[in-house]
Structure formats: C-alpha cells, structure tokens
Amino acid sequence: MKPGTARAFAMRRRAQSRAPNPESLSLGFAEKMISCANAILALTAILLVGCDESVRLSYSTRAEAEADTPFARGWLPEIIPASSREIAMENDLDSNCSEGKFAFDSADHDKFVSHLVRVPDHDDAQSKFYEYGEWGFWIDDSQDRCRFRFMMAK
C-alpha cells in the first residue's frame, strides 16, 4: 500500500479515531493518579508510624521498677540509689539505647557517685557528668536529680 493512496489515508484516520484524545483522558486519569498517590501516602504513613521501636517506661519507685524487668533488660542501671523515685525512661530497641531520669534522696548522693567516674568535660550548666561503664549520668547540682543515658561503645 502506497502512502498516498486513499486506503492508507482511511486506515490512518481510523487509527487516530480509535486513540483516545487527551481531553477525554485527563479527568479520569487525574482522578486515578490522585487516588494512587493518596494510597501511597497512606501506606507510607502507616509504615513510618509502625516502625517506631521505642519503649517508654515509668516507675514511682525503684522497688516498683525491680518488680518489672528494666534492670534485667539492661534498660536501667542497677547502681541507681535505693531511694530512686519518679523514674522515667525511653528505650530505643533499634539502636539499643536507653535514656531517662530519676530523683533520689540527696543523702544518697555521695554513696552513688562513689561508684562513678567523674568526667568534667561533659558537664552542663546545671549538672555534673559521671560515667559508669557505658552509662552516662548528669547529676544536678541540687544532688537529688539525675539524667542518664546508655552510650554504645565506639
């Protein structure tokens, strides 16, 4: 079939008439794309929220914490004073990190710090820094509050 023949011309016209034009596709196509994008966003949000592998725990007293398992799991250092109270911590299971805070009787301060190594380079404005193995402790100048963090070995 020669390109200039009537039959070739008619076949091209029929092929063009069967092809959808952009105007007829735009509304349906746009709706499908928006629906698909919304589904992808929803799935992404669900996966991101579901990936939070952290555990938050709090205890009124050390005795209450001992009844649970944070010491055995390594989420709370066993050397915290017996008078520890208002214990709060967050444990990231993915990175194996633990950090938190607690209050304790100031009368227990000297005995507590006798087990720790003083590292003045890490002091902040209102607390002194100490280490115990991989644990870091910031003890407030009031000597009755402490923040702690499990620091992975480098």
N, C-alpha and C. Protein backbone atom coordinates (compact mmCIF):
# COMPACT_ATOMS: atom_id res chain seq x y z
N MET A 1 0.85 -1.16 0.00
CA MET A 1 0.00 0.00 0.00
C MET A 1 0.90 1.22 0.00
N LYS A 2 0.62 2.10 -0.92
CA LYS A 2 1.42 3.29 -1.06
C LYS A 2 0.93 4.34 -0.08
N PRO A 3 1.84 5.12 0.48
CA PRO A 3 1.44 6.10 1.49
C PRO A 3 0.43 7.12 0.98
N GLY A 4 0.36 7.42 -0.24
CA GLY A 4 -0.55 8.47 -0.72
C GLY A 4 -1.90 7.95 -1.16
N THR A 5 -2.17 6.67 -1.03
CA THR A 5 -3.43 6.12 -1.53
C THR A 5 -4.58 6.42 -0.59
N ALA A 6 -5.77 6.32 -1.11
CA ALA A 6 -6.97 6.58 -0.32
C ALA A 6 -7.13 5.56 0.80
N ARG A 7 -6.75 4.33 0.51
CA ARG A 7 -6.87 3.28 1.53
C ARG A 7 -5.93 3.55 2.71
N ALA A 8 -4.71 3.95 2.46
CA ALA A 8 -3.75 4.27 3.51
C ALA A 8 -4.24 5.46 4.33
N PHE A 9 -4.81 6.44 3.63
CA PHE A 9 -5.37 7.61 4.32
C PHE A 9 -6.51 7.21 5.24
N ALA A 10 -7.41 6.34 4.78
CA ALA A 10 -8.56 5.88 5.57
C ALA A 10 -8.09 5.09 6.79
N MET A 11 -7.05 4.27 6.63
CA MET A 11 -6.55 3.49 7.77
C MET A 11 -5.93 4.39 8.83
N ARG A 12 -5.21 5.43 8.41
CA ARG A 12 -4.65 6.37 9.38
C ARG A 12 -5.76 7.08 10.14
N ARG A 13 -6.84 7.47 9.43
CA ARG A 13 -7.96 8.17 10.07
C ARG A 13 -8.62 7.27 11.11
N ARG A 14 -8.84 5.98 10.76
CA ARG A 14 -9.46 5.06 11.71
C ARG A 14 -8.58 4.84 12.94
N ALA A 15 -7.30 4.73 12.76
CA ALA A 15 -6.37 4.55 13.88
C ALA A 15 -6.39 5.77 14.79
N GLN A 16 -6.44 6.95 14.21
CA GLN A 16 -6.50 8.18 15.01
C GLN A 16 -7.82 8.31 15.73
N SER A 17 -8.91 7.86 15.10
CA SER A 17 -10.22 8.00 15.75
C SER A 17 -10.36 7.02 16.91
N ARG A 18 -9.66 5.89 16.87
CA ARG A 18 -9.72 4.93 17.98
C ARG A 18 -8.87 5.37 19.17
N ALA A 19 -7.83 6.12 18.94
CA ALA A 19 -6.96 6.58 20.02
C ALA A 19 -7.68 7.64 20.83
N PRO A 20 -7.70 7.49 22.16
CA PRO A 20 -8.38 8.50 22.99
C PRO A 20 -7.64 9.82 22.93
N ASN A 21 -8.39 10.89 22.91
CA ASN A 21 -7.74 12.19 22.89
C ASN A 21 -7.41 12.62 24.30
N PRO A 22 -6.45 13.51 24.50
CA PRO A 22 -6.01 13.92 25.84
C PRO A 22 -7.12 14.51 26.69
N GLU A 23 -8.08 15.20 26.08
CA GLU A 23 -9.16 15.80 26.87
C GLU A 23 -10.03 14.74 27.52
N SER A 24 -10.30 13.63 26.81
CA SER A 24 -11.15 12.60 27.38
C SER A 24 -10.43 11.81 28.47
N LEU A 25 -9.11 11.75 28.40
CA LEU A 25 -8.34 11.02 29.41
C LEU A 25 -8.08 11.86 30.66
N SER A 26 -7.98 13.15 30.55
CA SER A 26 -7.45 13.98 31.62
C SER A 26 -8.22 13.85 32.92
N LEU A 27 -9.53 13.87 32.92
CA LEU A 27 -10.28 13.81 34.16
C LEU A 27 -10.16 12.43 34.80
N GLY A 28 -10.39 11.37 34.06
CA GLY A 28 -10.29 10.02 34.61
C GLY A 28 -8.87 9.68 35.03
N PHE A 29 -7.92 10.07 34.22
CA PHE A 29 -6.52 9.80 34.50
C PHE A 29 -6.09 10.56 35.76
N ALA A 30 -6.48 11.82 35.86
CA ALA A 30 -6.11 12.63 37.03
C ALA A 30 -6.71 12.05 38.30
N GLU A 31 -7.97 11.61 38.22
CA GLU A 31 -8.60 11.02 39.41
C GLU A 31 -7.87 9.75 39.83
N LYS A 32 -7.49 8.93 38.86
CA LYS A 32 -6.77 7.69 39.18
C LYS A 32 -5.40 8.00 39.78
N MET A 33 -4.71 8.99 39.25
CA MET A 33 -3.40 9.36 39.78
C MET A 33 -3.51 9.90 41.20
N ILE A 34 -4.50 10.73 41.46
CA ILE A 34 -4.70 11.26 42.81
C ILE A 34 -5.03 10.13 43.77
N SER A 35 -5.89 9.23 43.35
CA SER A 35 -6.26 8.09 44.20
C SER A 35 -5.03 7.22 44.50
N CYS A 36 -4.21 6.99 43.49
CA CYS A 36 -2.99 6.20 43.67
C CYS A 36 -2.01 6.91 44.60
N ALA A 37 -1.85 8.22 44.40
CA ALA A 37 -0.94 8.99 45.25
C ALA A 37 -1.41 8.97 46.70
N ASN A 38 -2.72 9.10 46.92
CA ASN A 38 -3.26 9.05 48.29
C ASN A 38 -3.01 7.69 48.93
N ALA A 39 -3.17 6.64 48.15
CA ALA A 39 -2.92 5.30 48.69
C ALA A 39 -1.45 5.13 49.07
N ILE A 40 -0.55 5.63 48.24
CA ILE A 40 0.88 5.54 48.53
C ILE A 40 1.23 6.34 49.78
N LEU A 41 0.66 7.54 49.91
CA LEU A 41 0.92 8.37 51.10
C LEU A 41 0.40 7.69 52.36
N ALA A 42 -0.80 7.12 52.28
CA ALA A 42 -1.37 6.45 53.45
C ALA A 42 -0.51 5.26 53.86
N LEU A 43 -0.07 4.47 52.90
CA LEU A 43 0.77 3.31 53.19
C LEU A 43 2.10 3.74 53.79
N THR A 44 2.69 4.80 53.26
CA THR A 44 3.95 5.31 53.80
C THR A 44 3.78 5.78 55.24
N ALA A 45 2.69 6.48 55.51
CA ALA A 45 2.44 6.96 56.87
C ALA A 45 2.27 5.79 57.84
N ILE A 46 1.55 4.78 57.42
CA ILE A 46 1.34 3.60 58.28
C ILE A 46 2.67 2.91 58.56
N LEU A 47 3.49 2.76 57.54
CA LEU A 47 4.79 2.10 57.73
C LEU A 47 5.70 2.91 58.64
N LEU A 48 5.72 4.23 58.49
CA LEU A 48 6.58 5.06 59.33
C LEU A 48 6.14 5.03 60.78
N VAL A 49 4.86 5.10 61.02
CA VAL A 49 4.35 5.07 62.40
C VAL A 49 4.61 3.70 63.01
N GLY A 50 4.46 2.66 62.22
CA GLY A 50 4.66 1.31 62.72
C GLY A 50 6.11 0.95 62.96
N CYS A 51 7.04 1.78 62.52
CA CYS A 51 8.47 1.47 62.65
C CYS A 51 9.09 2.03 63.92
N ASP A 52 8.32 2.69 64.75
CA ASP A 52 8.88 3.25 65.97
C ASP A 52 9.11 2.12 66.95
N GLU A 53 10.35 1.78 67.15
CA GLU A 53 10.71 0.67 68.02
C GLU A 53 11.25 1.19 69.34
N SER A 54 10.48 2.05 70.00
CA SER A 54 10.92 2.55 71.30
C SER A 54 9.87 2.20 72.35
N VAL A 55 10.39 2.01 73.57
CA VAL A 55 9.53 1.65 74.70
C VAL A 55 9.72 2.71 75.78
N ARG A 56 8.63 3.30 76.20
CA ARG A 56 8.67 4.29 77.29
C ARG A 56 8.15 3.63 78.56
N LEU A 57 8.91 3.79 79.63
CA LEU A 57 8.53 3.20 80.91
C LEU A 57 8.66 4.25 82.00
N SER A 58 7.83 4.12 83.01
CA SER A 58 7.97 5.00 84.18
C SER A 58 7.56 4.22 85.43
N TYR A 59 8.23 4.55 86.51
CA TYR A 59 8.00 3.88 87.79
C TYR A 59 8.01 4.92 88.89
N SER A 60 7.16 4.73 89.86
CA SER A 60 7.12 5.65 91.00
C SER A 60 8.34 5.50 91.89
N THR A 61 8.81 4.26 92.05
CA THR A 61 9.94 3.98 92.94
C THR A 61 10.85 2.93 92.32
N ARG A 62 12.02 2.79 92.90
CA ARG A 62 12.94 1.75 92.44
C ARG A 62 12.34 0.37 92.70
N ALA A 63 11.66 0.21 93.83
CA ALA A 63 11.03 -1.08 94.15
C ALA A 63 10.02 -1.47 93.07
N GLU A 64 9.27 -0.51 92.57
CA GLU A 64 8.32 -0.78 91.50
C GLU A 64 9.06 -1.20 90.22
N ALA A 65 10.17 -0.55 89.94
CA ALA A 65 10.98 -0.92 88.77
C ALA A 65 11.56 -2.32 88.94
N GLU A 66 11.99 -2.67 90.15
CA GLU A 66 12.56 -4.00 90.39
C GLU A 66 11.51 -5.10 90.16
N ALA A 67 10.24 -4.79 90.41
CA ALA A 67 9.17 -5.76 90.20
C ALA A 67 8.95 -6.02 88.71
N ASP A 68 9.36 -5.07 87.87
CA ASP A 68 9.30 -5.23 86.41
C ASP A 68 10.68 -5.70 85.96
N THR A 69 11.04 -5.55 84.69
CA THR A 69 12.31 -6.09 84.21
C THR A 69 13.29 -5.09 83.59
N PRO A 70 13.24 -3.80 83.87
CA PRO A 70 14.19 -2.91 83.18
C PRO A 70 15.65 -3.15 83.57
N PHE A 71 15.91 -3.62 84.78
CA PHE A 71 17.29 -3.90 85.19
C PHE A 71 17.82 -5.11 84.42
N ALA A 72 17.03 -6.17 84.36
CA ALA A 72 17.45 -7.39 83.67
C ALA A 72 17.64 -7.17 82.18
N ARG A 73 16.84 -6.29 81.59
CA ARG A 73 16.96 -5.99 80.15
C ARG A 73 18.10 -5.03 79.84
N GLY A 74 18.71 -4.46 80.87
CA GLY A 74 19.78 -3.50 80.66
C GLY A 74 19.29 -2.11 80.31
N TRP A 75 18.03 -1.83 80.59
CA TRP A 75 17.44 -0.52 80.28
C TRP A 75 17.61 0.47 81.42
N LEU A 76 17.94 -0.04 82.59
CA LEU A 76 18.10 0.80 83.77
C LEU A 76 19.30 0.27 84.54
N PRO A 77 20.26 1.14 84.86
CA PRO A 77 21.47 0.67 85.54
C PRO A 77 21.17 0.28 86.99
N GLU A 78 21.71 -0.84 87.41
CA GLU A 78 21.43 -1.35 88.75
C GLU A 78 22.05 -0.51 89.86
N ILE A 79 22.96 0.38 89.54
CA ILE A 79 23.63 1.15 90.59
C ILE A 79 22.85 2.39 91.02
N ILE A 80 21.66 2.62 90.45
CA ILE A 80 20.92 3.80 90.90
C ILE A 80 20.55 3.63 92.37
N PRO A 81 20.48 4.71 93.12
CA PRO A 81 20.24 4.61 94.57
C PRO A 81 18.92 3.91 94.91
N ALA A 82 18.89 3.29 96.08
CA ALA A 82 17.67 2.62 96.55
C ALA A 82 16.53 3.61 96.72
N SER A 83 16.86 4.87 96.98
CA SER A 83 15.82 5.89 97.18
C SER A 83 15.29 6.47 95.86
N SER A 84 15.73 5.93 94.71
CA SER A 84 15.30 6.46 93.41
C SER A 84 13.78 6.41 93.27
N ARG A 85 13.26 7.48 92.70
CA ARG A 85 11.81 7.60 92.51
C ARG A 85 11.57 8.43 91.25
N GLU A 86 10.32 8.53 90.83
CA GLU A 86 9.97 9.31 89.63
C GLU A 86 10.87 8.89 88.45
N ILE A 87 11.01 7.61 88.27
CA ILE A 87 11.87 7.06 87.23
C ILE A 87 11.13 7.07 85.90
N ALA A 88 11.73 7.67 84.90
CA ALA A 88 11.15 7.69 83.55
C ALA A 88 12.26 7.39 82.56
N MET A 89 11.97 6.57 81.56
CA MET A 89 13.00 6.24 80.58
C MET A 89 12.37 5.92 79.24
N GLU A 90 13.19 6.06 78.22
CA GLU A 90 12.81 5.67 76.87
C GLU A 90 13.91 4.78 76.32
N ASN A 91 13.51 3.65 75.78
CA ASN A 91 14.46 2.67 75.29
C ASN A 91 14.22 2.44 73.80
N ASP A 92 15.23 2.71 72.99
CA ASP A 92 15.13 2.52 71.55
C ASP A 92 15.66 1.12 71.23
N LEU A 93 14.76 0.25 70.80
CA LEU A 93 15.14 -1.13 70.55
C LEU A 93 16.00 -1.29 69.30
N ASP A 94 15.84 -0.38 68.34
CA ASP A 94 16.64 -0.47 67.11
C ASP A 94 18.10 -0.14 67.37
N SER A 95 18.35 0.91 68.12
CA SER A 95 19.73 1.34 68.35
C SER A 95 20.29 0.85 69.69
N ASN A 96 19.47 0.14 70.47
CA ASN A 96 19.87 -0.37 71.77
C ASN A 96 20.37 0.75 72.69
N CYS A 97 19.62 1.85 72.70
CA CYS A 97 19.95 2.99 73.56
C CYS A 97 18.87 3.17 74.60
N SER A 98 19.26 3.67 75.74
CA SER A 98 18.32 3.94 76.82
C SER A 98 18.68 5.28 77.43
N GLU A 99 17.66 6.09 77.69
CA GLU A 99 17.92 7.34 78.40
C GLU A 99 16.70 7.66 79.25
N GLY A 100 16.96 8.42 80.31
CA GLY A 100 15.87 8.74 81.20
C GLY A 100 16.32 9.64 82.33
N LYS A 101 15.52 9.64 83.39
CA LYS A 101 15.81 10.49 84.54
C LYS A 101 15.16 9.89 85.77
N PHE A 102 15.65 10.32 86.92
CA PHE A 102 15.06 9.90 88.18
C PHE A 102 15.46 10.91 89.26
N ALA A 103 14.70 10.89 90.33
CA ALA A 103 15.01 11.69 91.52
C ALA A 103 15.48 10.73 92.61
N PHE A 104 16.25 11.24 93.55
CA PHE A 104 16.70 10.40 94.66
C PHE A 104 16.98 11.29 95.87
N ASP A 105 17.11 10.66 97.04
CA ASP A 105 17.39 11.41 98.26
C ASP A 105 18.81 11.96 98.19
N SER A 106 18.97 13.24 98.50
CA SER A 106 20.30 13.84 98.45
C SER A 106 21.26 13.17 99.43
N ALA A 107 20.73 12.53 100.47
CA ALA A 107 21.59 11.80 101.43
C ALA A 107 22.31 10.63 100.75
N ASP A 108 21.78 10.15 99.62
CA ASP A 108 22.39 9.03 98.88
C ASP A 108 23.41 9.50 97.84
N HIS A 109 23.57 10.80 97.68
CA HIS A 109 24.42 11.34 96.62
C HIS A 109 25.86 10.83 96.70
N ASP A 110 26.49 10.98 97.85
CA ASP A 110 27.92 10.62 97.97
C ASP A 110 28.15 9.13 97.72
N LYS A 111 27.28 8.29 98.24
CA LYS A 111 27.42 6.85 98.03
C LYS A 111 27.23 6.52 96.55
N PHE A 112 26.27 7.16 95.90
CA PHE A 112 26.00 6.92 94.48
C PHE A 112 27.22 7.30 93.63
N VAL A 113 27.72 8.52 93.82
CA VAL A 113 28.84 8.97 92.96
C VAL A 113 30.15 8.25 93.28
N SER A 114 30.23 7.58 94.43
CA SER A 114 31.45 6.84 94.74
C SER A 114 31.65 5.66 93.77
N HIS A 115 30.59 5.22 93.10
CA HIS A 115 30.67 4.13 92.12
C HIS A 115 30.95 4.65 90.71
N LEU A 116 30.93 5.96 90.52
CA LEU A 116 31.02 6.57 89.20
C LEU A 116 32.37 7.23 88.97
N VAL A 117 32.69 7.46 87.71
CA VAL A 117 33.91 8.16 87.33
C VAL A 117 33.53 9.56 86.86
N ARG A 118 34.12 10.56 87.48
CA ARG A 118 33.81 11.96 87.14
C ARG A 118 34.48 12.34 85.82
N VAL A 119 33.70 12.97 84.91
CA VAL A 119 34.22 13.42 83.61
C VAL A 119 33.76 14.87 83.41
N PRO A 120 34.52 15.83 83.93
CA PRO A 120 34.10 17.24 83.90
C PRO A 120 33.90 17.81 82.49
N ASP A 121 34.55 17.22 81.48
CA ASP A 121 34.42 17.73 80.11
C ASP A 121 32.97 17.69 79.60
N HIS A 122 32.14 16.84 80.19
CA HIS A 122 30.76 16.68 79.73
C HIS A 122 29.74 17.34 80.65
N ASP A 123 30.20 18.13 81.61
CA ASP A 123 29.28 18.86 82.48
C ASP A 123 28.42 19.81 81.65
N ASP A 124 27.22 20.09 82.12
CA ASP A 124 26.44 21.16 81.50
C ASP A 124 26.18 22.23 82.55
N ALA A 125 25.37 23.20 82.25
CA ALA A 125 25.20 24.38 83.10
C ALA A 125 24.71 24.04 84.51
N GLN A 126 23.91 23.00 84.66
CA GLN A 126 23.32 22.73 85.98
C GLN A 126 23.58 21.33 86.50
N SER A 127 24.52 20.63 85.88
CA SER A 127 24.78 19.27 86.37
C SER A 127 26.21 18.85 86.07
N LYS A 128 26.64 17.87 86.85
CA LYS A 128 27.98 17.30 86.68
C LYS A 128 27.84 15.93 86.04
N PHE A 129 28.79 15.61 85.17
CA PHE A 129 28.72 14.37 84.42
C PHE A 129 29.63 13.30 85.02
N TYR A 130 29.09 12.07 85.05
CA TYR A 130 29.82 10.91 85.55
C TYR A 130 29.60 9.74 84.59
N GLU A 131 30.52 8.79 84.60
CA GLU A 131 30.38 7.58 83.80
C GLU A 131 30.41 6.36 84.69
N TYR A 132 29.74 5.33 84.23
CA TYR A 132 29.79 4.02 84.85
C TYR A 132 29.70 3.03 83.69
N GLY A 133 30.83 2.49 83.25
CA GLY A 133 30.83 1.63 82.06
C GLY A 133 30.31 2.41 80.87
N GLU A 134 29.28 1.89 80.24
CA GLU A 134 28.69 2.55 79.08
C GLU A 134 27.56 3.51 79.45
N TRP A 135 27.35 3.71 80.74
CA TRP A 135 26.30 4.60 81.22
C TRP A 135 26.87 5.98 81.51
N GLY A 136 26.12 7.00 81.15
CA GLY A 136 26.48 8.37 81.48
C GLY A 136 25.41 8.95 82.41
N PHE A 137 25.84 9.68 83.42
CA PHE A 137 24.92 10.27 84.40
C PHE A 137 25.20 11.76 84.53
N TRP A 138 24.16 12.57 84.43
CA TRP A 138 24.26 14.01 84.71
C TRP A 138 23.49 14.24 86.00
N ILE A 139 24.24 14.51 87.08
CA ILE A 139 23.61 14.70 88.39
C ILE A 139 23.50 16.20 88.64
N ASP A 140 22.26 16.65 88.89
CA ASP A 140 22.01 18.07 89.12
C ASP A 140 22.80 18.58 90.31
N ASP A 141 23.10 19.87 90.27
CA ASP A 141 23.83 20.50 91.37
C ASP A 141 23.06 20.40 92.68
N SER A 142 21.75 20.22 92.61
CA SER A 142 20.95 20.04 93.83
C SER A 142 21.22 18.69 94.49
N GLN A 143 21.92 17.81 93.75
CA GLN A 143 22.33 16.48 94.21
C GLN A 143 21.15 15.56 94.54
N ASP A 144 20.01 15.78 93.89
CA ASP A 144 18.88 14.89 94.13
C ASP A 144 18.11 14.53 92.85
N ARG A 145 18.66 14.88 91.70
CA ARG A 145 18.05 14.56 90.40
C ARG A 145 19.15 14.11 89.45
N CYS A 146 18.79 13.18 88.57
CA CYS A 146 19.79 12.62 87.66
C CYS A 146 19.15 12.30 86.31
N ARG A 147 19.88 12.61 85.25
CA ARG A 147 19.55 12.15 83.90
C ARG A 147 20.58 11.08 83.55
N PHE A 148 20.17 10.09 82.78
CA PHE A 148 21.13 9.05 82.41
C PHE A 148 20.94 8.66 80.96
N ARG A 149 22.01 8.05 80.41
CA ARG A 149 21.96 7.57 79.02
C ARG A 149 22.93 6.41 78.89
N PHE A 150 22.46 5.38 78.23
CA PHE A 150 23.30 4.26 77.87
C PHE A 150 24.00 4.64 76.59
N MET A 151 25.34 4.66 76.62
CA MET A 151 26.12 5.12 75.47
C MET A 151 26.86 3.93 74.88
N MET A 152 26.52 3.61 73.64
CA MET A 152 27.14 2.47 72.97
C MET A 152 28.64 2.67 72.87
N ALA A 153 29.37 1.59 73.03
CA ALA A 153 30.82 1.66 72.89
C ALA A 153 31.17 1.94 71.44
N LYS A 154 32.19 2.76 71.24
CA LYS A 154 32.58 3.14 69.88
C LYS A 154 33.57 2.17 69.29
